[in-house]
PDB file of N, CA and C in Angstrom:
ATOM      1  N   MET A   1     156.033 152.958  39.038  1.00  0.00           N
ATOM      2  CA  MET A   1     157.339 152.443  38.807  1.00  0.00           C
ATOM      3  C   MET A   1     157.932 151.976  40.124  1.00  0.00           C
ATOM      4  N   HIS A   2     158.698 150.898  40.062  1.00  0.00           N
ATOM      5  CA  HIS A   2     159.463 150.416  41.205  1.00  0.00           C
ATOM      6  C   HIS A   2     160.936 150.478  40.836  1.00  0.00           C
ATOM      7  N   ALA A   3     161.774 150.747  41.805  1.00  0.00           N
ATOM      8  CA  ALA A   3     163.215 150.779  41.589  1.00  0.00           C
ATOM      9  C   ALA A   3     163.891 149.906  42.635  1.00  0.00           C
ATOM     10  N   VAL A   4     164.832 149.085  42.184  1.00  0.00           N
ATOM     11  CA  VAL A   4     165.601 148.211  43.075  1.00  0.00           C
ATOM     12  C   VAL A   4     167.064 148.263  42.660  1.00  0.00           C
ATOM     13  N   GLU A   5     167.910 147.837  43.564  1.00  0.00           N
ATOM     14  CA  GLU A   5     169.329 147.739  43.250  1.00  0.00           C
ATOM     15  C   GLU A   5     169.632 146.367  42.647  1.00  0.00           C
ATOM     16  N   TYR A   6     170.680 146.312  41.823  1.00  0.00           N
ATOM     17  CA  TYR A   6     171.081 145.056  41.194  1.00  0.00           C
ATOM     18  C   TYR A   6     171.275 143.930  42.210  1.00  0.00           C
ATOM     19  N   GLY A   7     171.738 144.284  43.398  1.00  0.00           N
ATOM     20  CA  GLY A   7     171.969 143.277  44.427  1.00  0.00           C
ATOM     21  C   GLY A   7     170.719 142.517  44.848  1.00  0.00           C
ATOM     22  N   TRP A   8     169.549 143.061  44.556  1.00  0.00           N
ATOM     23  CA  TRP A   8     168.288 142.410  44.928  1.00  0.00           C
ATOM     24  C   TRP A   8     167.659 141.628  43.774  1.00  0.00           C
ATOM     25  N   LEU A   9     168.208 141.757  42.591  1.00  0.00           N
ATOM     26  CA  LEU A   9     167.573 141.159  41.411  1.00  0.00           C
ATOM     27  C   LEU A   9     167.474 139.637  41.500  1.00  0.00           C
ATOM     28  N   ASP A  10     168.532 138.976  41.962  1.00  0.00           N
ATOM     29  CA  ASP A  10     168.477 137.515  42.069  1.00  0.00           C
ATOM     30  C   ASP A  10     167.402 137.080  43.061  1.00  0.00           C
ATOM     31  N   ALA A  11     167.272 137.783  44.175  1.00  0.00           N
ATOM     32  CA  ALA A  11     166.236 137.445  45.157  1.00  0.00           C
ATOM     33  C   ALA A  11     164.842 137.626  44.557  1.00  0.00           C
ATOM     34  N   ILE A  12     164.652 138.668  43.780  1.00  0.00           N
ATOM     35  CA  ILE A  12     163.352 138.904  43.135  1.00  0.00           C
ATOM     36  C   ILE A  12     163.038 137.787  42.148  1.00  0.00           C
ATOM     37  N   ARG A  13     164.041 137.309  41.456  1.00  0.00           N
ATOM     38  CA  ARG A  13     163.840 136.237  40.464  1.00  0.00           C
ATOM     39  C   ARG A  13     163.541 134.893  41.110  1.00  0.00           C
ATOM     40  N   THR A  14     164.099 134.627  42.288  1.00  0.00           N
ATOM     41  CA  THR A  14     164.055 133.269  42.838  1.00  0.00           C
ATOM     42  C   THR A  14     163.186 133.095  44.079  1.00  0.00           C
ATOM     43  N   VAL A  15     162.671 134.184  44.659  1.00  0.00           N
ATOM     44  CA  VAL A  15     161.917 134.060  45.895  1.00  0.00           C
ATOM     45  C   VAL A  15     160.638 133.241  45.689  1.00  0.00           C
ATOM     46  N   ARG A  16     160.282 132.472  46.703  1.00  0.00           N
ATOM     47  CA  ARG A  16     158.989 131.785  46.731  1.00  0.00           C
ATOM     48  C   ARG A  16     158.144 132.548  47.737  1.00  0.00           C
ATOM     49  N   LEU A  17     157.387 133.500  47.242  1.00  0.00           N
ATOM     50  CA  LEU A  17     156.622 134.410  48.084  1.00  0.00           C
ATOM     51  C   LEU A  17     155.170 133.945  48.181  1.00  0.00           C
ATOM     52  N   TYR A  18     154.612 134.030  49.381  1.00  0.00           N
ATOM     53  CA  TYR A  18     153.222 133.654  49.629  1.00  0.00           C
ATOM     54  C   TYR A  18     152.480 134.856  50.205  1.00  0.00           C
ATOM     55  N   ALA A  19     151.201 134.947  49.909  1.00  0.00           N
ATOM     56  CA  ALA A  19     150.378 136.047  50.414  1.00  0.00           C
ATOM     57  C   ALA A  19     149.160 135.492  51.146  1.00  0.00           C
ATOM     58  N   TYR A  20     148.853 136.131  52.254  1.00  0.00           N
ATOM     59  CA  TYR A  20     147.600 135.851  52.948  1.00  0.00           C
ATOM     60  C   TYR A  20     146.544 136.827  52.437  1.00  0.00           C
ATOM     61  N   ARG A  21     145.351 136.367  52.265  1.00  0.00           N
ATOM     62  CA  ARG A  21     144.217 137.234  51.935  1.00  0.00           C
ATOM     63  C   ARG A  21     143.516 137.548  53.245  1.00  0.00           C
ATOM     64  N   LEU A  22     143.241 138.832  53.479  1.00  0.00           N
ATOM     65  CA  LEU A  22     142.642 139.274  54.739  1.00  0.00           C
ATOM     66  C   LEU A  22     141.345 140.025  54.459  1.00  0.00           C
ATOM     67  N   PRO A  23     140.407 140.009  55.392  1.00  0.00           N
ATOM     68  CA  PRO A  23     139.141 140.713  55.186  1.00  0.00           C
ATOM     69  C   PRO A  23     139.355 142.237  55.170  1.00  0.00           C
ATOM     70  N   ALA A  24     139.019 142.875  54.078  1.00  0.00           N
ATOM     71  CA  ALA A  24     139.263 144.310  53.893  1.00  0.00           C
ATOM     72  C   ALA A  24     138.506 145.161  54.902  1.00  0.00           C
ATOM     73  N   ASP A  25     137.338 144.717  55.329  1.00  0.00           N
ATOM     74  CA  ASP A  25     136.512 145.554  56.213  1.00  0.00           C
ATOM     75  C   ASP A  25     137.096 145.711  57.620  1.00  0.00           C
ATOM     76  N   ARG A  26     138.163 144.998  57.942  1.00  0.00           N
ATOM     77  CA  ARG A  26     138.801 145.106  59.262  1.00  0.00           C
ATOM     78  C   ARG A  26     139.940 146.132  59.274  1.00  0.00           C
ATOM     79  N   PHE A  27     140.224 146.735  58.117  1.00  0.00           N
ATOM     80  CA  PHE A  27     141.349 147.659  57.991  1.00  0.00           C
ATOM     81  C   PHE A  27     140.859 149.073  57.691  1.00  0.00           C
ATOM     82  N   THR A  28     141.626 150.050  58.178  1.00  0.00           N
ATOM     83  CA  THR A  28     141.318 151.450  57.891  1.00  0.00           C
ATOM     84  C   THR A  28     142.587 152.130  57.372  1.00  0.00           C
ATOM     85  N   PRO A  29     142.424 153.128  56.488  1.00  0.00           N
ATOM     86  CA  PRO A  29     143.588 153.827  55.940  1.00  0.00           C
ATOM     87  C   PRO A  29     144.313 154.645  57.008  1.00  0.00           C
ATOM     88  N   ILE A  30     145.628 154.733  56.874  1.00  0.00           N
ATOM     89  CA  ILE A  30     146.425 155.585  57.753  1.00  0.00           C
ATOM     90  C   ILE A  30     147.332 156.464  56.898  1.00  0.00           C
ATOM     91  N   GLY A  31     147.809 157.537  57.459  1.00  0.00           N
ATOM     92  CA  GLY A  31     148.727 158.424  56.753  1.00  0.00           C
ATOM     93  C   GLY A  31     147.996 159.498  55.984  1.00  0.00           C
ATOM     94  N   ALA A  32     148.741 160.531  55.631  1.00  0.00           N
ATOM     95  CA  ALA A  32     148.174 161.695  54.946  1.00  0.00           C
ATOM     96  C   ALA A  32     147.525 161.321  53.621  1.00  0.00           C
ATOM     97  N   GLU A  33     148.126 160.385  52.891  1.00  0.00           N
ATOM     98  CA  GLU A  33     147.576 160.011  51.585  1.00  0.00           C
ATOM     99  C   GLU A  33     146.972 158.620  51.601  1.00  0.00           C
ATOM    100  N   ALA A  34     146.877 158.033  52.766  1.00  0.00           N
ATOM    101  CA  ALA A  34     146.235 156.723  52.955  1.00  0.00           C
ATOM    102  C   ALA A  34     146.808 155.641  52.043  1.00  0.00           C
ATOM    103  N   HIS A  35     148.137 155.593  51.947  1.00  0.00           N
ATOM    104  CA  HIS A  35     148.786 154.544  51.148  1.00  0.00           C
ATOM    105  C   HIS A  35     148.890 153.228  51.902  1.00  0.00           C
ATOM    106  N   ALA A  36     148.591 153.255  53.182  1.00  0.00           N
ATOM    107  CA  ALA A  36     148.703 152.053  53.996  1.00  0.00           C
ATOM    108  C   ALA A  36     147.385 151.816  54.729  1.00  0.00           C
ATOM    109  N   GLN A  37     147.199 150.591  55.151  1.00  0.00           N
ATOM    110  CA  GLN A  37     146.005 150.195  55.890  1.00  0.00           C
ATOM    111  C   GLN A  37     146.456 149.545  57.191  1.00  0.00           C
ATOM    112  N   VAL A  38     145.654 149.688  58.241  1.00  0.00           N
ATOM    113  CA  VAL A  38     146.001 149.090  59.527  1.00  0.00           C
ATOM    114  C   VAL A  38     144.749 148.496  60.165  1.00  0.00           C
ATOM    115  N   ALA A  39     144.951 147.392  60.865  1.00  0.00           N
ATOM    116  CA  ALA A  39     143.894 146.800  61.688  1.00  0.00           C
ATOM    117  C   ALA A  39     144.293 147.026  63.144  1.00  0.00           C
ATOM    118  N   THR A  40     143.351 147.391  63.972  1.00  0.00           N
ATOM    119  CA  THR A  40     143.664 147.683  65.371  1.00  0.00           C
ATOM    120  C   THR A  40     143.393 146.498  66.295  1.00  0.00           C
ATOM    121  N   GLU A  41     142.965 145.381  65.729  1.00  0.00           N
ATOM    122  CA  GLU A  41     142.767 144.161  66.502  1.00  0.00           C
ATOM    123  C   GLU A  41     143.184 142.985  65.625  1.00  0.00           C
ATOM    124  N   PRO A  42     143.431 141.817  66.212  1.00  0.00           N
ATOM    125  CA  PRO A  42     143.866 140.665  65.415  1.00  0.00           C
ATOM    126  C   PRO A  42     142.874 140.337  64.293  1.00  0.00           C
ATOM    127  N   VAL A  43     143.417 139.923  63.155  1.00  0.00           N
ATOM    128  CA  VAL A  43     142.613 139.585  61.978  1.00  0.00           C
ATOM    129  C   VAL A  43     142.992 138.179  61.533  1.00  0.00           C
ATOM    130  N   GLU A  44     141.996 137.362  61.290  1.00  0.00           N
ATOM    131  CA  GLU A  44     142.228 136.000  60.815  1.00  0.00           C
ATOM    132  C   GLU A  44     142.267 135.988  59.289  1.00  0.00           C
ATOM    133  N   PRO A  45     143.233 135.293  58.686  1.00  0.00           N
ATOM    134  CA  PRO A  45     143.263 135.174  57.224  1.00  0.00           C
ATOM    135  C   PRO A  45     142.007 134.490  56.700  1.00  0.00           C
ATOM    136  N   LEU A  46     141.648 134.801  55.456  1.00  0.00           N
ATOM    137  CA  LEU A  46     140.475 134.194  54.826  1.00  0.00           C
ATOM    138  C   LEU A  46     140.737 132.755  54.389  1.00  0.00           C
ATOM    139  N   GLY A  47     141.987 132.364  54.379  1.00  0.00           N
ATOM    140  CA  GLY A  47     142.365 131.007  53.988  1.00  0.00           C
ATOM    141  C   GLY A  47     143.861 130.845  54.118  1.00  0.00           C
ATOM    142  N   PRO A  48     144.374 129.728  53.630  1.00  0.00           N
ATOM    143  CA  PRO A  48     145.823 129.501  53.719  1.00  0.00           C
ATOM    144  C   PRO A  48     146.578 130.463  52.798  1.00  0.00           C
ATOM    145  N   PRO A  49     147.877 130.650  53.037  1.00  0.00           N
ATOM    146  CA  PRO A  49     148.656 131.518  52.150  1.00  0.00           C
ATOM    147  C   PRO A  49     148.691 130.937  50.742  1.00  0.00           C
ATOM    148  N   GLU A  50     148.692 131.840  49.757  1.00  0.00           N
ATOM    149  CA  GLU A  50     148.697 131.434  48.343  1.00  0.00           C
ATOM    150  C   GLU A  50     149.990 131.891  47.695  1.00  0.00           C
ATOM    151  N   PRO A  51     150.597 131.067  46.811  1.00  0.00           N
ATOM    152  CA  PRO A  51     151.814 131.496  46.137  1.00  0.00           C
ATOM    153  C   PRO A  51     151.548 132.718  45.255  1.00  0.00           C
ATOM    154  N   VAL A  52     152.446 133.666  45.307  1.00  0.00           N
ATOM    155  CA  VAL A  52     152.303 134.904  44.531  1.00  0.00           C
ATOM    156  C   VAL A  52     152.746 134.684  43.087  1.00  0.00           C
ATOM    157  N   GLY A  53     153.814 133.923  42.880  1.00  0.00           N
ATOM    158  CA  GLY A  53     154.307 133.652  41.534  1.00  0.00           C
ATOM    159  C   GLY A  53     155.515 134.508  41.179  1.00  0.00           C
ATOM    160  N   ASP A  54     155.793 134.577  39.903  1.00  0.00           N
ATOM    161  CA  ASP A  54     156.965 135.262  39.355  1.00  0.00           C
ATOM    162  C   ASP A  54     156.812 136.775  39.501  1.00  0.00           C
ATOM    163  N   LEU A  55     157.630 137.385  40.350  1.00  0.00           N
ATOM    164  CA  LEU A  55     157.490 138.819  40.625  1.00  0.00           C
ATOM    165  C   LEU A  55     157.783 139.685  39.398  1.00  0.00           C
ATOM    166  N   LEU A  56     158.728 139.280  38.567  1.00  0.00           N
ATOM    167  CA  LEU A  56     159.002 140.058  37.350  1.00  0.00           C
ATOM    168  C   LEU A  56     157.824 139.990  36.382  1.00  0.00           C
ATOM    169  N   ALA A  57     157.252 138.820  36.225  1.00  0.00           N
ATOM    170  CA  ALA A  57     156.090 138.673  35.341  1.00  0.00           C
ATOM    171  C   ALA A  57     154.896 139.462  35.888  1.00  0.00           C
ATOM    172  N   LEU A  58     154.734 139.479  37.197  1.00  0.00           N
ATOM    173  CA  LEU A  58     153.635 140.239  37.792  1.00  0.00           C
ATOM    174  C   LEU A  58     153.802 141.738  37.564  1.00  0.00           C
ATOM    175  N   HIS A  59     155.031 142.224  37.614  1.00  0.00           N
ATOM    176  CA  HIS A  59     155.275 143.631  37.287  1.00  0.00           C
ATOM    177  C   HIS A  59     154.846 143.922  35.850  1.00  0.00           C
ATOM    178  N   GLU A  60     155.265 143.051  34.941  1.00  0.00           N
ATOM    179  CA  GLU A  60     154.900 143.240  33.533  1.00  0.00           C
ATOM    180  C   GLU A  60     153.388 143.195  33.346  1.00  0.00           C
ATOM    181  N   ASP A  61     152.744 142.193  33.933  1.00  0.00           N
ATOM    182  CA  ASP A  61     151.288 142.048  33.799  1.00  0.00           C
ATOM    183  C   ASP A  61     150.545 143.270  34.336  1.00  0.00           C
ATOM    184  N   ALA A  62     151.074 143.875  35.399  1.00  0.00           N
ATOM    185  CA  ALA A  62     150.419 145.035  36.010  1.00  0.00           C
ATOM    186  C   ALA A  62     150.826 146.351  35.343  1.00  0.00           C
ATOM    187  N   GLY A  63     151.738 146.279  34.385  1.00  0.00           N
ATOM    188  CA  GLY A  63     152.192 147.493  33.714  1.00  0.00           C
ATOM    189  C   GLY A  63     153.079 148.360  34.600  1.00  0.00           C
ATOM    190  N   ILE A  64     153.759 147.735  35.554  1.00  0.00           N
ATOM    191  CA  ILE A  64     154.643 148.469  36.459  1.00  0.00           C
ATOM    192  C   ILE A  64     156.067 148.392  35.918  1.00  0.00           C
ATOM    193  N   GLN A  65     156.643 149.536  35.632  1.00  0.00           N
ATOM    194  CA  GLN A  65     158.029 149.593  35.190  1.00  0.00           C
ATOM    195  C   GLN A  65     158.935 149.264  36.368  1.00  0.00           C
ATOM    196  N   LEU A  66     159.934 148.421  36.128  1.00  0.00           N
ATOM    197  CA  LEU A  66     160.908 148.079  37.163  1.00  0.00           C
ATOM    198  C   LEU A  66     162.269 148.595  36.715  1.00  0.00           C
ATOM    199  N   ARG A  67     162.831 149.500  37.477  1.00  0.00           N
ATOM    200  CA  ARG A  67     164.174 150.014  37.194  1.00  0.00           C
ATOM    201  C   ARG A  67     165.160 149.320  38.110  1.00  0.00           C
ATOM    202  N   VAL A  68     166.232 148.827  37.523  1.00  0.00           N
ATOM    203  CA  VAL A  68     167.288 148.163  38.282  1.00  0.00           C
ATOM    204  C   VAL A  68     168.514 149.070  38.221  1.00  0.00           C
ATOM    205  N   LEU A  69     168.970 149.490  39.389  1.00  0.00           N
ATOM    206  CA  LEU A  69     170.008 150.513  39.490  1.00  0.00           C
ATOM    207  C   LEU A  69     171.179 150.015  40.328  1.00  0.00           C
ATOM    208  N   PRO A  70     172.371 150.541  40.093  1.00  0.00           N
ATOM    209  CA  PRO A  70     173.499 150.148  40.936  1.00  0.00           C
ATOM    210  C   PRO A  70     173.380 150.692  42.355  1.00  0.00           C
ATOM    211  N   ASN A  71     172.708 151.829  42.519  1.00  0.00           N
ATOM    212  CA  ASN A  71     172.528 152.451  43.826  1.00  0.00           C
ATOM    213  C   ASN A  71     171.252 153.290  43.770  1.00  0.00           C
ATOM    214  N   LEU A  72     170.394 153.159  44.769  1.00  0.00           N
ATOM    215  CA  LEU A  72     169.108 153.863  44.757  1.00  0.00           C
ATOM    216  C   LEU A  72     169.203 155.348  45.082  1.00  0.00           C
ATOM    217  N   TRP A  73     170.219 155.770  45.815  1.00  0.00           N
ATOM    218  CA  TRP A  73     170.240 157.125  46.348  1.00  0.00           C
ATOM    219  C   TRP A  73     170.224 158.240  45.306  1.00  0.00           C
ATOM    220  N   PRO A  74     171.003 158.171  44.222  1.00  0.00           N
ATOM    221  CA  PRO A  74     170.906 159.244  43.228  1.00  0.00           C
ATOM    222  C   PRO A  74     169.496 159.356  42.636  1.00  0.00           C
ATOM    223  N   PHE A  75     168.853 158.220  42.374  1.00  0.00           N
ATOM    224  CA  PHE A  75     167.483 158.205  41.857  1.00  0.00           C
ATOM    225  C   PHE A  75     166.521 158.781  42.898  1.00  0.00           C
ATOM    226  N   TRP A  76     166.668 158.364  44.145  1.00  0.00           N
ATOM    227  CA  TRP A  76     165.812 158.838  45.235  1.00  0.00           C
ATOM    228  C   TRP A  76     165.905 160.348  45.391  1.00  0.00           C
ATOM    229  N   ASP A  77     167.114 160.851  45.320  1.00  0.00           N
ATOM    230  CA  ASP A  77     167.312 162.293  45.472  1.00  0.00           C
ATOM    231  C   ASP A  77     166.583 163.095  44.395  1.00  0.00           C
ATOM    232  N   ILE A  78     166.474 162.545  43.209  1.00  0.00           N
ATOM    233  CA  ILE A  78     165.737 163.221  42.128  1.00  0.00           C
ATOM    234  C   ILE A  78     164.233 163.085  42.340  1.00  0.00           C
ATOM    235  N   VAL A  79     163.767 161.869  42.607  1.00  0.00           N
ATOM    236  CA  VAL A  79     162.328 161.615  42.768  1.00  0.00           C
ATOM    237  C   VAL A  79     161.725 162.478  43.868  1.00  0.00           C
ATOM    238  N   THR A  80     162.436 162.651  44.955  1.00  0.00           N
ATOM    239  CA  THR A  80     161.872 163.396  46.084  1.00  0.00           C
ATOM    240  C   THR A  80     161.775 164.899  45.823  1.00  0.00           C
ATOM    241  N   THR A  81     162.331 165.371  44.720  1.00  0.00           N
ATOM    242  CA  THR A  81     162.194 166.794  44.370  1.00  0.00           C
ATOM    243  C   THR A  81     161.077 167.033  43.372  1.00  0.00           C
ATOM    244  N   THR A  82     160.365 165.976  42.977  1.00  0.00           N
ATOM    245  CA  THR A  82     159.306 166.090  41.977  1.00  0.00           C
ATOM    246  C   THR A  82     157.936 166.113  42.644  1.00  0.00           C
ATOM    247  N   THR A  83     156.906 166.249  41.831  1.00  0.00           N
ATOM    248  CA  THR A  83     155.526 166.193  42.327  1.00  0.00           C
ATOM    249  C   THR A  83     154.966 164.771  42.272  1.00  0.00           C
ATOM    250  N   LEU A  84     155.778 163.813  41.895  1.00  0.00           N
ATOM    251  CA  LEU A  84     155.330 162.419  41.845  1.00  0.00           C
ATOM    252  C   LEU A  84     155.115 161.884  43.252  1.00  0.00           C
ATOM    253  N   GLY A  85     154.187 160.962  43.386  1.00  0.00           N
ATOM    254  CA  GLY A  85     154.035 160.264  44.656  1.00  0.00           C
ATOM    255  C   GLY A  85     155.164 159.254  44.793  1.00  0.00           C
ATOM    256  N   PHE A  86     155.680 159.065  45.996  1.00  0.00           N
ATOM    257  CA  PHE A  86     156.783 158.130  46.176  1.00  0.00           C
ATOM    258  C   PHE A  86     156.744 157.540  47.576  1.00  0.00           C
ATOM    259  N   SER A  87     157.406 156.402  47.717  1.00  0.00           N
ATOM    260  CA  SER A  87     157.559 155.757  49.011  1.00  0.00           C
ATOM    261  C   SER A  87     158.946 155.136  49.053  1.00  0.00           C
ATOM    262  N   GLY A  88     159.625 155.306  50.160  1.00  0.00           N
ATOM    263  CA  GLY A  88     160.956 154.735  50.337  1.00  0.00           C
ATOM    264  C   GLY A  88     161.023 153.837  51.554  1.00  0.00           C
ATOM    265  N   VAL A  89     159.995 153.042  51.753  1.00  0.00           N
ATOM    266  CA  VAL A  89     159.861 152.258  52.977  1.00  0.00           C
ATOM    267  C   VAL A  89     161.003 151.246  53.159  1.00  0.00           C
ATOM    268  N   ARG A  90     161.632 150.811  52.109  1.00  0.00           N
ATOM    269  CA  ARG A  90     162.708 149.817  52.228  1.00  0.00           C
ATOM    270  C   ARG A  90     164.097 150.405  51.995  1.00  0.00           C
ATOM    271  N   LEU A  91     164.241 151.696  52.035  1.00  0.00           N
ATOM    272  CA  LEU A  91     165.545 152.312  51.791  1.00  0.00           C
ATOM    273  C   LEU A  91     166.601 151.904  52.814  1.00  0.00           C
ATOM    274  N   ARG A  92     166.180 151.434  53.968  1.00  0.00           N
ATOM    275  CA  ARG A  92     167.174 151.007  54.959  1.00  0.00           C
ATOM    276  C   ARG A  92     167.983 149.805  54.469  1.00  0.00           C
ATOM    277  N   PHE A  93     167.482 149.119  53.424  1.00  0.00           N
ATOM    278  CA  PHE A  93     168.197 147.976  52.852  1.00  0.00           C
ATOM    279  C   PHE A  93     169.060 148.375  51.652  1.00  0.00           C
ATOM    280  N   ALA A  94     169.049 149.638  51.288  1.00  0.00           N
ATOM    281  CA  ALA A  94     169.825 150.107  50.135  1.00  0.00           C
ATOM    282  C   ALA A  94     171.310 150.146  50.464  1.00  0.00           C
ATOM    283  N   ARG A  95     172.107 150.118  49.410  1.00  0.00           N
ATOM    284  CA  ARG A  95     173.541 150.303  49.573  1.00  0.00           C
ATOM    285  C   ARG A  95     173.802 151.692  50.140  1.00  0.00           C
ATOM    286  N   PRO A  96     174.963 151.917  50.714  1.00  0.00           N
ATOM    287  CA  PRO A  96     175.277 153.252  51.235  1.00  0.00           C
ATOM    288  C   PRO A  96     175.269 154.302  50.119  1.00  0.00           C
ATOM    289  N   ARG A  97     175.003 155.528  50.513  1.00  0.00           N
ATOM    290  CA  ARG A  97     175.048 156.652  49.570  1.00  0.00           C
ATOM    291  C   ARG A  97     176.434 156.749  48.962  1.00  0.00           C
ATOM    292  N   PRO A  98     176.514 156.953  47.645  1.00  0.00           N
ATOM    293  CA  PRO A  98     177.842 157.171  47.063  1.00  0.00           C
ATOM    294  C   PRO A  98     178.420 158.502  47.544  1.00  0.00           C
ATOM    295  N   ARG A  99     179.695 158.559  47.671  1.00  0.00           N
ATOM    296  CA  ARG A  99     180.355 159.807  48.123  1.00  0.00           C
ATOM    297  C   ARG A  99     180.698 160.681  46.952  1.00  0.00           C
TER     298      ARG A  99
END
């Protein structure tokens, strides 16, 4: 599942996002659960960037639930008390915590 704030919904609907394809053998997992990969030297893309397409449709196609919330913090506070895996790498862009 992914969760975003309403303020980001228009950007998700309208962004023209491109992805580079990179050679997997140049990357190694990092972190306790290896959710990220890192290359320790420059890596050349396998080709030009390719359009990603409609992000909402891609969520649906991948079976990823997208929750749209007025504020992420109440949801985050609950998720972090569970046994679910989670990542909050973009929380610095969230609205302030409600008082």
